[in-house]
Amino acid sequence: RTEIEGKGKPMDETLDAPFTDDDCFYMKWEIKEYKVNSNDSNEWKEIGKGVDAVPFFLEDETGKIMIDADTSATWTLKSENSYKWSVKGRQGPPNEHIEEFCESKEGISASTRRKRKYRQTILKPNEDVYVLGEATPRDVSDDSIEVTEAGERLKIEEDDASGFFIISNKEENELQRYYAIRGPVYILTGIVLT
């Protein structure tokens, strides 16, 4: 089991953030629309959502190591990494990136007569990142993979023994508080379900 902190650096590729002009290693997005039901009740209904992630390097003063990131990891990001937009009915999308994104998705029109909310959460390159997972050998037999440092022969992935794979840009003590609060809730929920 390995804990490591450093700066997130691009490996082969990054993702395009859905609603802004940013590169990122992780993105989660959702679009909700305000709908009036037949029984006159109103609610925000989800009309689209998605999540994606790509591997990246974590670099510190000693070198860099591959983070085999995917969507199954527990991504715990600061609130500043979430962006929200709201539009009133009969208004177009709040920016051109949202408009292009909606047009690229089947079943989501860029314009609507209803109120709409857009939200994205992303992890960008060069942010401070904390990772908890398992260090394992990386397959570097492919000639296209250039390995210049010993650390590049390893990767961090989900810990087989505990199932932990946490990727966060929060400070370690902030993460400890976050999980200390949720731990008892998970235990009580498990007891109730049992």
N, C-alpha and C. Protein backbone atom coordinates (compact mmCIF):
# COMPACT_ATOMS: atom_id res chain seq x y z
N ARG A 1 0.85 -1.18 0.00
CA ARG A 1 0.00 0.00 0.00
C ARG A 1 0.89 1.24 0.00
N THR A 2 0.55 2.21 -0.82
CA THR A 2 1.41 3.37 -1.01
C THR A 2 0.61 4.66 -0.95
N GLU A 3 1.17 5.64 -0.23
CA GLU A 3 0.65 7.00 -0.22
C GLU A 3 1.68 7.87 -0.91
N ILE A 4 1.24 8.75 -1.75
CA ILE A 4 2.18 9.62 -2.45
C ILE A 4 1.52 10.96 -2.76
N GLU A 5 2.33 12.01 -2.76
CA GLU A 5 1.84 13.35 -3.09
C GLU A 5 2.77 13.98 -4.10
N GLY A 6 2.23 14.82 -4.96
CA GLY A 6 3.04 15.53 -5.94
C GLY A 6 2.16 16.31 -6.88
N LYS A 7 2.72 16.71 -8.00
CA LYS A 7 1.98 17.46 -9.02
C LYS A 7 1.54 16.51 -10.12
N GLY A 8 0.30 16.64 -10.55
CA GLY A 8 -0.20 15.84 -11.66
C GLY A 8 0.37 16.33 -12.98
N LYS A 9 0.98 15.44 -13.74
CA LYS A 9 1.58 15.79 -15.03
C LYS A 9 1.01 14.89 -16.13
N PRO A 10 0.79 15.43 -17.32
CA PRO A 10 0.23 14.61 -18.41
C PRO A 10 1.15 13.45 -18.78
N MET A 11 0.54 12.34 -19.15
CA MET A 11 1.27 11.20 -19.64
C MET A 11 1.18 11.22 -21.17
N ASP A 12 0.29 10.42 -21.74
CA ASP A 12 0.12 10.42 -23.20
C ASP A 12 -0.90 11.45 -23.65
N GLU A 13 -2.01 11.51 -22.92
CA GLU A 13 -3.10 12.38 -23.36
C GLU A 13 -3.85 12.92 -22.16
N THR A 14 -4.59 13.96 -22.40
CA THR A 14 -5.50 14.50 -21.39
C THR A 14 -6.90 14.50 -21.99
N LEU A 15 -7.87 14.77 -21.16
CA LEU A 15 -9.26 14.89 -21.61
C LEU A 15 -9.60 16.36 -21.82
N ASP A 16 -10.53 16.63 -22.71
CA ASP A 16 -11.08 17.97 -22.86
C ASP A 16 -12.23 18.11 -21.87
N ALA A 17 -12.16 19.13 -21.01
CA ALA A 17 -13.26 19.37 -20.07
C ALA A 17 -14.54 19.60 -20.86
N PRO A 18 -15.68 19.10 -20.37
CA PRO A 18 -16.91 19.20 -21.16
C PRO A 18 -17.43 20.63 -21.35
N PHE A 19 -17.33 21.46 -20.31
CA PHE A 19 -18.01 22.76 -20.35
C PHE A 19 -17.06 23.96 -20.32
N THR A 20 -15.75 23.73 -20.29
CA THR A 20 -14.77 24.82 -20.30
C THR A 20 -13.62 24.45 -21.22
N ASP A 21 -12.75 25.41 -21.47
CA ASP A 21 -11.59 25.19 -22.35
C ASP A 21 -10.40 24.76 -21.50
N ASP A 22 -10.52 23.61 -20.83
CA ASP A 22 -9.47 23.11 -19.95
C ASP A 22 -9.10 21.69 -20.34
N ASP A 23 -7.82 21.35 -20.12
CA ASP A 23 -7.39 19.96 -20.19
C ASP A 23 -7.53 19.38 -18.79
N CYS A 24 -7.80 18.08 -18.69
CA CYS A 24 -7.97 17.48 -17.37
C CYS A 24 -7.65 16.00 -17.41
N PHE A 25 -7.41 15.42 -16.22
CA PHE A 25 -7.19 13.99 -16.07
C PHE A 25 -8.49 13.28 -15.70
N TYR A 26 -9.40 14.03 -15.11
CA TYR A 26 -10.68 13.48 -14.63
C TYR A 26 -11.77 14.49 -14.91
N MET A 27 -12.93 14.00 -15.34
CA MET A 27 -14.08 14.89 -15.51
C MET A 27 -15.36 14.15 -15.18
N LYS A 28 -16.23 14.87 -14.53
CA LYS A 28 -17.57 14.38 -14.22
C LYS A 28 -18.52 15.51 -14.56
N TRP A 29 -19.58 15.20 -15.30
CA TRP A 29 -20.50 16.25 -15.72
C TRP A 29 -21.94 15.79 -15.59
N GLU A 30 -22.83 16.77 -15.45
CA GLU A 30 -24.27 16.47 -15.45
C GLU A 30 -25.04 17.68 -15.94
N ILE A 31 -26.17 17.40 -16.56
CA ILE A 31 -27.09 18.44 -17.01
C ILE A 31 -28.47 18.09 -16.47
N LYS A 32 -29.11 19.09 -15.83
CA LYS A 32 -30.46 18.89 -15.30
C LYS A 32 -31.39 19.95 -15.87
N GLU A 33 -32.65 19.54 -16.05
CA GLU A 33 -33.67 20.44 -16.57
C GLU A 33 -34.85 20.48 -15.62
N TYR A 34 -35.46 21.67 -15.51
CA TYR A 34 -36.60 21.85 -14.61
C TYR A 34 -37.87 21.47 -15.36
N LYS A 35 -38.59 20.48 -14.83
CA LYS A 35 -39.78 19.99 -15.54
C LYS A 35 -41.00 20.04 -14.64
N VAL A 36 -42.14 20.33 -15.26
CA VAL A 36 -43.43 20.31 -14.58
C VAL A 36 -44.11 19.00 -14.93
N ASN A 37 -44.43 18.21 -13.93
CA ASN A 37 -45.07 16.91 -14.16
C ASN A 37 -46.57 17.07 -14.33
N SER A 38 -47.22 16.01 -14.78
CA SER A 38 -48.66 16.05 -15.03
C SER A 38 -49.46 16.31 -13.76
N ASN A 39 -48.92 15.95 -12.60
CA ASN A 39 -49.64 16.19 -11.34
C ASN A 39 -49.25 17.53 -10.71
N ASP A 40 -48.74 18.45 -11.53
CA ASP A 40 -48.36 19.80 -11.12
C ASP A 40 -47.19 19.84 -10.13
N SER A 41 -46.45 18.75 -9.98
CA SER A 41 -45.24 18.81 -9.15
C SER A 41 -44.05 19.15 -10.04
N ASN A 42 -43.15 19.94 -9.51
CA ASN A 42 -41.99 20.39 -10.27
C ASN A 42 -40.74 19.71 -9.73
N GLU A 43 -39.81 19.40 -10.63
CA GLU A 43 -38.56 18.78 -10.18
C GLU A 43 -37.46 19.01 -11.20
N TRP A 44 -36.21 18.92 -10.69
CA TRP A 44 -35.04 18.96 -11.57
C TRP A 44 -34.79 17.53 -12.04
N LYS A 45 -34.83 17.32 -13.35
CA LYS A 45 -34.65 15.98 -13.91
C LYS A 45 -33.32 15.92 -14.66
N GLU A 46 -32.57 14.87 -14.38
CA GLU A 46 -31.29 14.68 -15.04
C GLU A 46 -31.52 14.28 -16.49
N ILE A 47 -30.90 15.01 -17.43
CA ILE A 47 -31.06 14.67 -18.85
C ILE A 47 -29.75 14.14 -19.45
N GLY A 48 -28.68 14.21 -18.66
CA GLY A 48 -27.40 13.67 -19.14
C GLY A 48 -26.35 13.75 -18.06
N LYS A 49 -25.46 12.75 -18.04
CA LYS A 49 -24.33 12.76 -17.11
C LYS A 49 -23.25 11.84 -17.65
N GLY A 50 -22.04 12.04 -17.15
CA GLY A 50 -20.94 11.20 -17.57
C GLY A 50 -19.73 11.40 -16.70
N VAL A 51 -18.80 10.45 -16.79
CA VAL A 51 -17.55 10.52 -16.03
C VAL A 51 -16.46 9.84 -16.86
N ASP A 52 -15.25 10.39 -16.81
CA ASP A 52 -14.14 9.81 -17.55
C ASP A 52 -12.83 10.17 -16.85
N ALA A 53 -11.80 9.36 -17.06
CA ALA A 53 -10.49 9.60 -16.46
C ALA A 53 -9.41 8.97 -17.33
N VAL A 54 -8.20 9.52 -17.25
CA VAL A 54 -7.06 8.96 -17.97
C VAL A 54 -5.87 8.85 -17.01
N PRO A 55 -4.96 7.90 -17.26
CA PRO A 55 -3.75 7.81 -16.44
C PRO A 55 -2.90 9.08 -16.56
N PHE A 56 -2.13 9.36 -15.52
CA PHE A 56 -1.24 10.53 -15.53
C PHE A 56 -0.03 10.23 -14.65
N PHE A 57 0.97 11.10 -14.73
CA PHE A 57 2.13 10.98 -13.86
C PHE A 57 1.94 11.85 -12.63
N LEU A 58 2.47 11.40 -11.51
CA LEU A 58 2.57 12.21 -10.30
C LEU A 58 4.05 12.49 -10.10
N GLU A 59 4.41 13.74 -10.01
CA GLU A 59 5.82 14.12 -9.96
C GLU A 59 6.12 14.90 -8.70
N ASP A 60 7.25 14.55 -8.06
CA ASP A 60 7.75 15.33 -6.93
C ASP A 60 9.25 15.51 -7.13
N GLU A 61 9.94 15.98 -6.09
CA GLU A 61 11.38 16.27 -6.24
C GLU A 61 12.22 15.01 -6.45
N THR A 62 11.66 13.82 -6.18
CA THR A 62 12.42 12.57 -6.34
C THR A 62 12.21 11.91 -7.69
N GLY A 63 11.22 12.33 -8.44
CA GLY A 63 10.95 11.72 -9.74
C GLY A 63 9.46 11.69 -10.03
N LYS A 64 9.05 10.75 -10.87
CA LYS A 64 7.63 10.64 -11.21
C LYS A 64 7.21 9.19 -11.28
N ILE A 65 5.90 8.98 -11.09
CA ILE A 65 5.34 7.63 -11.11
C ILE A 65 3.97 7.70 -11.80
N MET A 66 3.62 6.63 -12.49
CA MET A 66 2.34 6.59 -13.21
C MET A 66 1.20 6.32 -12.24
N ILE A 67 0.14 7.10 -12.37
CA ILE A 67 -1.10 6.86 -11.63
C ILE A 67 -2.07 6.25 -12.64
N ASP A 68 -2.40 4.97 -12.46
CA ASP A 68 -3.26 4.25 -13.41
C ASP A 68 -4.72 4.60 -13.12
N ALA A 69 -5.03 5.88 -13.31
CA ALA A 69 -6.34 6.41 -12.93
C ALA A 69 -7.44 5.91 -13.85
N ASP A 70 -8.59 5.64 -13.25
CA ASP A 70 -9.80 5.32 -14.00
C ASP A 70 -11.00 5.78 -13.19
N THR A 71 -12.18 5.54 -13.72
CA THR A 71 -13.39 6.05 -13.07
C THR A 71 -13.77 5.25 -11.83
N SER A 72 -13.15 4.09 -11.61
CA SER A 72 -13.47 3.31 -10.42
C SER A 72 -12.75 3.83 -9.17
N ALA A 73 -11.75 4.68 -9.36
CA ALA A 73 -11.06 5.28 -8.22
C ALA A 73 -12.02 6.18 -7.45
N THR A 74 -11.73 6.40 -6.17
CA THR A 74 -12.50 7.35 -5.38
C THR A 74 -11.87 8.73 -5.57
N TRP A 75 -12.54 9.56 -6.34
CA TRP A 75 -12.04 10.92 -6.63
C TRP A 75 -12.64 11.87 -5.61
N THR A 76 -11.81 12.45 -4.76
CA THR A 76 -12.26 13.38 -3.72
C THR A 76 -11.60 14.72 -4.00
N LEU A 77 -12.34 15.61 -4.66
CA LEU A 77 -11.76 16.88 -5.11
C LEU A 77 -12.34 18.06 -4.35
N LYS A 78 -11.55 19.14 -4.31
CA LYS A 78 -11.98 20.37 -3.64
C LYS A 78 -13.20 20.96 -4.33
N SER A 79 -13.96 21.74 -3.59
CA SER A 79 -15.15 22.36 -4.17
C SER A 79 -14.79 23.34 -5.29
N GLU A 80 -13.57 23.90 -5.25
CA GLU A 80 -13.14 24.82 -6.31
C GLU A 80 -12.98 24.12 -7.66
N ASN A 81 -12.96 22.80 -7.66
CA ASN A 81 -12.83 22.05 -8.90
C ASN A 81 -14.17 21.77 -9.56
N SER A 82 -15.25 22.22 -8.91
CA SER A 82 -16.59 22.08 -9.48
C SER A 82 -17.07 23.43 -10.00
N TYR A 83 -17.62 23.42 -11.18
CA TYR A 83 -18.12 24.63 -11.83
C TYR A 83 -19.59 24.42 -12.15
N LYS A 84 -20.40 25.48 -11.92
CA LYS A 84 -21.85 25.37 -12.15
C LYS A 84 -22.33 26.55 -12.98
N TRP A 85 -23.31 26.28 -13.82
CA TRP A 85 -23.98 27.30 -14.61
C TRP A 85 -25.48 27.03 -14.56
N SER A 86 -26.27 28.11 -14.55
CA SER A 86 -27.74 27.99 -14.61
C SER A 86 -28.25 28.93 -15.68
N VAL A 87 -29.26 28.48 -16.42
CA VAL A 87 -29.89 29.34 -17.42
C VAL A 87 -31.40 29.29 -17.24
N LYS A 88 -32.04 30.40 -17.55
CA LYS A 88 -33.49 30.46 -17.50
C LYS A 88 -34.05 29.85 -18.77
N GLY A 89 -35.36 29.59 -18.78
CA GLY A 89 -36.01 29.03 -19.96
C GLY A 89 -35.85 29.93 -21.17
N ARG A 90 -35.80 29.32 -22.35
CA ARG A 90 -35.68 30.01 -23.63
C ARG A 90 -34.35 30.75 -23.79
N GLN A 91 -33.34 30.34 -23.04
CA GLN A 91 -32.00 30.89 -23.21
C GLN A 91 -31.10 29.80 -23.77
N GLY A 92 -30.11 30.22 -24.52
CA GLY A 92 -29.14 29.26 -25.04
C GLY A 92 -28.14 28.89 -23.96
N PRO A 93 -27.21 28.01 -24.28
CA PRO A 93 -26.19 27.60 -23.32
C PRO A 93 -25.35 28.80 -22.87
N PRO A 94 -24.78 28.75 -21.65
CA PRO A 94 -24.03 29.88 -21.12
C PRO A 94 -22.70 30.15 -21.83
N ASN A 95 -22.14 29.19 -22.54
CA ASN A 95 -20.90 29.44 -23.29
C ASN A 95 -20.82 28.50 -24.50
N GLU A 96 -19.87 28.78 -25.38
CA GLU A 96 -19.75 28.00 -26.62
C GLU A 96 -19.30 26.56 -26.36
N HIS A 97 -18.53 26.33 -25.28
CA HIS A 97 -18.08 24.97 -24.98
C HIS A 97 -19.27 24.08 -24.61
N ILE A 98 -20.19 24.62 -23.81
CA ILE A 98 -21.38 23.87 -23.43
C ILE A 98 -22.24 23.60 -24.67
N GLU A 99 -22.35 24.61 -25.53
CA GLU A 99 -23.15 24.44 -26.75
C GLU A 99 -22.57 23.33 -27.63
N GLU A 100 -21.24 23.36 -27.85
CA GLU A 100 -20.60 22.33 -28.67
C GLU A 100 -20.74 20.95 -28.03
N PHE A 101 -20.60 20.90 -26.71
CA PHE A 101 -20.71 19.62 -26.01
C PHE A 101 -22.11 19.04 -26.16
N CYS A 102 -23.13 19.86 -25.96
CA CYS A 102 -24.52 19.38 -26.10
C CYS A 102 -24.80 18.90 -27.52
N GLU A 103 -24.29 19.63 -28.50
CA GLU A 103 -24.51 19.24 -29.90
C GLU A 103 -23.84 17.91 -30.23
N SER A 104 -22.76 17.58 -29.49
CA SER A 104 -22.05 16.33 -29.75
C SER A 104 -22.71 15.12 -29.07
N LYS A 105 -23.65 15.39 -28.15
CA LYS A 105 -24.31 14.30 -27.42
C LYS A 105 -25.70 14.04 -27.99
N GLU A 106 -25.95 12.78 -28.31
CA GLU A 106 -27.26 12.41 -28.85
C GLU A 106 -28.32 12.54 -27.76
N GLY A 107 -29.42 13.20 -28.09
CA GLY A 107 -30.53 13.32 -27.16
C GLY A 107 -30.47 14.54 -26.25
N ILE A 108 -29.41 15.36 -26.37
CA ILE A 108 -29.31 16.59 -25.55
C ILE A 108 -29.22 17.78 -26.49
N SER A 109 -30.29 18.55 -26.57
CA SER A 109 -30.27 19.72 -27.45
C SER A 109 -29.54 20.87 -26.75
N ALA A 110 -28.92 21.74 -27.56
CA ALA A 110 -28.18 22.87 -26.99
C ALA A 110 -29.12 23.94 -26.44
N SER A 111 -30.30 24.07 -27.02
CA SER A 111 -31.25 25.08 -26.55
C SER A 111 -32.48 24.40 -25.97
N THR A 112 -33.16 25.11 -25.08
CA THR A 112 -34.34 24.54 -24.42
C THR A 112 -35.29 25.65 -23.99
N ARG A 113 -36.54 25.30 -23.79
CA ARG A 113 -37.52 26.26 -23.28
C ARG A 113 -37.53 26.26 -21.76
N ARG A 114 -36.85 25.30 -21.15
CA ARG A 114 -36.90 25.14 -19.70
C ARG A 114 -35.62 25.65 -19.04
N LYS A 115 -35.72 25.85 -17.73
CA LYS A 115 -34.53 26.18 -16.94
C LYS A 115 -33.59 24.99 -16.98
N ARG A 116 -32.30 25.27 -16.95
CA ARG A 116 -31.33 24.19 -17.02
C ARG A 116 -30.13 24.50 -16.13
N LYS A 117 -29.54 23.43 -15.56
CA LYS A 117 -28.32 23.53 -14.75
C LYS A 117 -27.24 22.65 -15.38
N TYR A 118 -26.03 23.19 -15.42
CA TYR A 118 -24.87 22.45 -15.91
C TYR A 118 -23.84 22.41 -14.78
N ARG A 119 -23.18 21.26 -14.63
CA ARG A 119 -22.16 21.14 -13.60
C ARG A 119 -21.04 20.22 -14.09
N GLN A 120 -19.80 20.66 -13.86
CA GLN A 120 -18.65 19.81 -14.16
C GLN A 120 -17.68 19.84 -12.99
N THR A 121 -17.02 18.72 -12.75
CA THR A 121 -15.95 18.62 -11.76
C THR A 121 -14.76 18.04 -12.48
N ILE A 122 -13.61 18.73 -12.40
CA ILE A 122 -12.43 18.29 -13.15
C ILE A 122 -11.17 18.37 -12.28
N LEU A 123 -10.19 17.55 -12.64
CA LEU A 123 -8.84 17.63 -12.06
C LEU A 123 -7.91 18.00 -13.20
N LYS A 124 -7.28 19.19 -13.09
CA LYS A 124 -6.43 19.70 -14.15
C LYS A 124 -4.95 19.35 -13.92
N PRO A 125 -4.14 19.36 -14.97
CA PRO A 125 -2.70 19.16 -14.81
C PRO A 125 -2.09 20.24 -13.90
N ASN A 126 -0.99 19.89 -13.26
CA ASN A 126 -0.19 20.76 -12.40
C ASN A 126 -0.83 21.08 -11.06
N GLU A 127 -1.93 20.40 -10.73
CA GLU A 127 -2.50 20.56 -9.39
C GLU A 127 -1.76 19.63 -8.43
N ASP A 128 -1.75 20.01 -7.15
CA ASP A 128 -1.23 19.12 -6.11
C ASP A 128 -2.19 17.96 -5.96
N VAL A 129 -1.66 16.73 -5.94
CA VAL A 129 -2.50 15.54 -5.88
C VAL A 129 -1.97 14.59 -4.81
N TYR A 130 -2.89 13.99 -4.06
CA TYR A 130 -2.60 12.94 -3.08
C TYR A 130 -3.20 11.65 -3.61
N VAL A 131 -2.43 10.55 -3.56
CA VAL A 131 -2.92 9.26 -4.05
C VAL A 131 -2.65 8.18 -3.00
N LEU A 132 -3.64 7.34 -2.75
CA LEU A 132 -3.49 6.17 -1.90
C LEU A 132 -3.90 4.96 -2.73
N GLY A 133 -2.98 4.02 -2.89
CA GLY A 133 -3.27 2.82 -3.68
C GLY A 133 -2.16 1.80 -3.49
N GLU A 134 -1.98 0.95 -4.48
CA GLU A 134 -0.95 -0.09 -4.42
C GLU A 134 0.08 0.15 -5.51
N ALA A 135 1.37 0.12 -5.15
CA ALA A 135 2.44 0.24 -6.13
C ALA A 135 2.71 -1.13 -6.73
N THR A 136 2.64 -1.22 -8.05
CA THR A 136 2.88 -2.49 -8.75
C THR A 136 3.78 -2.23 -9.95
N PRO A 137 4.46 -3.27 -10.46
CA PRO A 137 5.30 -3.08 -11.65
C PRO A 137 4.46 -2.69 -12.86
N ARG A 138 4.99 -1.82 -13.65
CA ARG A 138 4.33 -1.36 -14.87
C ARG A 138 4.90 -2.13 -16.05
N ASP A 139 4.06 -2.48 -17.01
CA ASP A 139 4.52 -3.18 -18.21
C ASP A 139 5.21 -2.16 -19.12
N VAL A 140 6.53 -2.24 -19.19
CA VAL A 140 7.29 -1.30 -20.03
C VAL A 140 7.96 -2.03 -21.19
N SER A 141 7.43 -3.20 -21.55
CA SER A 141 8.02 -3.99 -22.65
C SER A 141 7.75 -3.37 -24.02
N ASP A 142 6.72 -2.53 -24.10
CA ASP A 142 6.38 -1.86 -25.35
C ASP A 142 7.46 -0.83 -25.68
N ASP A 143 8.02 -0.89 -26.89
CA ASP A 143 9.10 0.02 -27.28
C ASP A 143 8.68 1.48 -27.29
N SER A 144 7.37 1.75 -27.38
CA SER A 144 6.90 3.14 -27.42
C SER A 144 6.93 3.80 -26.05
N ILE A 145 7.13 2.99 -24.99
CA ILE A 145 7.17 3.54 -23.63
C ILE A 145 8.62 3.83 -23.27
N GLU A 146 8.91 5.11 -23.06
CA GLU A 146 10.26 5.52 -22.71
C GLU A 146 10.37 5.62 -21.19
N VAL A 147 11.30 4.88 -20.61
CA VAL A 147 11.51 4.87 -19.17
C VAL A 147 12.88 5.46 -18.88
N THR A 148 12.91 6.60 -18.18
CA THR A 148 14.18 7.26 -17.90
C THR A 148 14.54 7.21 -16.41
N GLU A 149 13.57 6.92 -15.55
CA GLU A 149 13.82 6.88 -14.11
C GLU A 149 13.25 5.59 -13.52
N ALA A 150 13.82 5.17 -12.39
CA ALA A 150 13.36 3.93 -11.75
C ALA A 150 11.88 3.99 -11.38
N GLY A 151 11.42 5.15 -10.90
CA GLY A 151 10.02 5.30 -10.51
C GLY A 151 9.05 5.10 -11.65
N GLU A 152 9.51 5.32 -12.87
CA GLU A 152 8.64 5.16 -14.04
C GLU A 152 8.37 3.69 -14.35
N ARG A 153 9.07 2.78 -13.67
CA ARG A 153 8.82 1.35 -13.86
C ARG A 153 7.66 0.86 -12.99
N LEU A 154 7.13 1.75 -12.15
CA LEU A 154 6.03 1.40 -11.26
C LEU A 154 4.78 2.18 -11.63
N LYS A 155 3.67 1.71 -11.13
CA LYS A 155 2.42 2.45 -11.25
C LYS A 155 1.64 2.28 -9.95
N ILE A 156 0.77 3.24 -9.67
CA ILE A 156 -0.13 3.16 -8.52
C ILE A 156 -1.51 2.83 -9.07
N GLU A 157 -2.12 1.80 -8.50
CA GLU A 157 -3.46 1.39 -8.91
C GLU A 157 -4.25 1.00 -7.66
N GLU A 158 -5.44 0.44 -7.86
CA GLU A 158 -6.26 0.03 -6.73
C GLU A 158 -5.54 -1.02 -5.89
N ASP A 159 -5.58 -0.84 -4.57
CA ASP A 159 -4.96 -1.78 -3.64
C ASP A 159 -5.83 -3.04 -3.57
N ASP A 160 -5.27 -4.18 -3.98
CA ASP A 160 -6.03 -5.45 -3.99
C ASP A 160 -6.51 -5.85 -2.60
N ALA A 161 -5.67 -5.62 -1.59
CA ALA A 161 -6.02 -6.07 -0.23
C ALA A 161 -7.17 -5.29 0.36
N SER A 162 -7.16 -3.96 0.20
CA SER A 162 -8.18 -3.13 0.85
C SER A 162 -9.23 -2.59 -0.11
N GLY A 163 -8.93 -2.59 -1.40
CA GLY A 163 -9.86 -1.99 -2.37
C GLY A 163 -9.72 -0.49 -2.46
N PHE A 164 -8.76 0.10 -1.73
CA PHE A 164 -8.57 1.55 -1.74
C PHE A 164 -7.87 2.00 -3.01
N PHE A 165 -8.40 3.06 -3.60
CA PHE A 165 -7.70 3.80 -4.65
C PHE A 165 -8.27 5.21 -4.60
N ILE A 166 -7.62 6.04 -3.82
CA ILE A 166 -8.11 7.41 -3.59
C ILE A 166 -7.21 8.38 -4.35
N ILE A 167 -7.83 9.25 -5.11
CA ILE A 167 -7.13 10.32 -5.82
C ILE A 167 -7.79 11.62 -5.39
N SER A 168 -6.99 12.52 -4.85
CA SER A 168 -7.56 13.75 -4.29
C SER A 168 -6.60 14.92 -4.45
N ASN A 169 -7.15 16.12 -4.52
CA ASN A 169 -6.31 17.31 -4.46
C ASN A 169 -6.50 18.03 -3.12
N LYS A 170 -7.10 17.34 -2.16
CA LYS A 170 -7.23 17.88 -0.81
C LYS A 170 -5.97 17.54 -0.01
N GLU A 171 -5.71 18.33 1.02
CA GLU A 171 -4.59 18.04 1.93
C GLU A 171 -4.88 16.73 2.67
N GLU A 172 -3.83 16.04 3.09
CA GLU A 172 -4.00 14.74 3.75
C GLU A 172 -4.84 14.87 5.03
N ASN A 173 -4.59 15.92 5.83
CA ASN A 173 -5.38 16.08 7.08
C ASN A 173 -6.85 16.41 6.77
N GLU A 174 -7.09 17.10 5.67
CA GLU A 174 -8.47 17.40 5.25
C GLU A 174 -9.18 16.11 4.84
N LEU A 175 -8.44 15.23 4.15
CA LEU A 175 -8.99 13.93 3.77
C LEU A 175 -9.29 13.07 4.98
N GLN A 176 -8.42 13.10 5.97
CA GLN A 176 -8.64 12.31 7.19
C GLN A 176 -9.93 12.75 7.88
N ARG A 177 -10.15 14.06 7.96
CA ARG A 177 -11.40 14.57 8.55
C ARG A 177 -12.61 14.13 7.73
N TYR A 178 -12.47 14.20 6.41
CA TYR A 178 -13.56 13.83 5.49
C TYR A 178 -13.99 12.38 5.73
N TYR A 179 -13.01 11.47 5.81
CA TYR A 179 -13.34 10.05 5.99
C TYR A 179 -13.67 9.72 7.44
N ALA A 180 -13.13 10.48 8.40
CA ALA A 180 -13.48 10.26 9.81
C ALA A 180 -14.96 10.55 10.06
N ILE A 181 -15.49 11.54 9.38
CA ILE A 181 -16.90 11.88 9.52
C ILE A 181 -17.78 10.81 8.85
N ARG A 182 -17.35 10.34 7.68
CA ARG A 182 -18.17 9.38 6.92
C ARG A 182 -18.05 7.96 7.43
N GLY A 183 -16.95 7.61 8.07
CA GLY A 183 -16.74 6.24 8.56
C GLY A 183 -17.88 5.74 9.43
N PRO A 184 -18.24 6.46 10.50
CA PRO A 184 -19.34 6.00 11.35
C PRO A 184 -20.67 5.88 10.60
N VAL A 185 -20.89 6.78 9.64
CA VAL A 185 -22.13 6.72 8.85
C VAL A 185 -22.18 5.42 8.05
N TYR A 186 -21.05 5.04 7.41
CA TYR A 186 -20.99 3.79 6.66
C TYR A 186 -21.22 2.59 7.57
N ILE A 187 -20.63 2.61 8.76
CA ILE A 187 -20.78 1.50 9.70
C ILE A 187 -22.23 1.36 10.13
N LEU A 188 -22.86 2.49 10.50
CA LEU A 188 -24.26 2.45 10.93
C LEU A 188 -25.18 1.99 9.80
N THR A 189 -24.90 2.45 8.59
CA THR A 189 -25.70 2.01 7.44
C THR A 189 -25.57 0.52 7.23
N GLY A 190 -24.36 -0.01 7.36
CA GLY A 190 -24.14 -1.45 7.23
C GLY A 190 -24.88 -2.24 8.28
N ILE A 191 -24.86 -1.74 9.52
CA ILE A 191 -25.57 -2.42 10.61
C ILE A 191 -27.07 -2.44 10.34
N VAL A 192 -27.62 -1.30 9.92
CA VAL A 192 -29.06 -1.20 9.62
C VAL A 192 -29.44 -2.15 8.48
N LEU A 193 -28.63 -2.18 7.44
CA LEU A 193 -28.93 -3.06 6.30
C LEU A 193 -28.82 -4.53 6.67
N THR A 194 -27.89 -4.84 7.56
CA THR A 194 -27.73 -6.22 8.01
C THR A 194 -28.93 -6.65 8.83
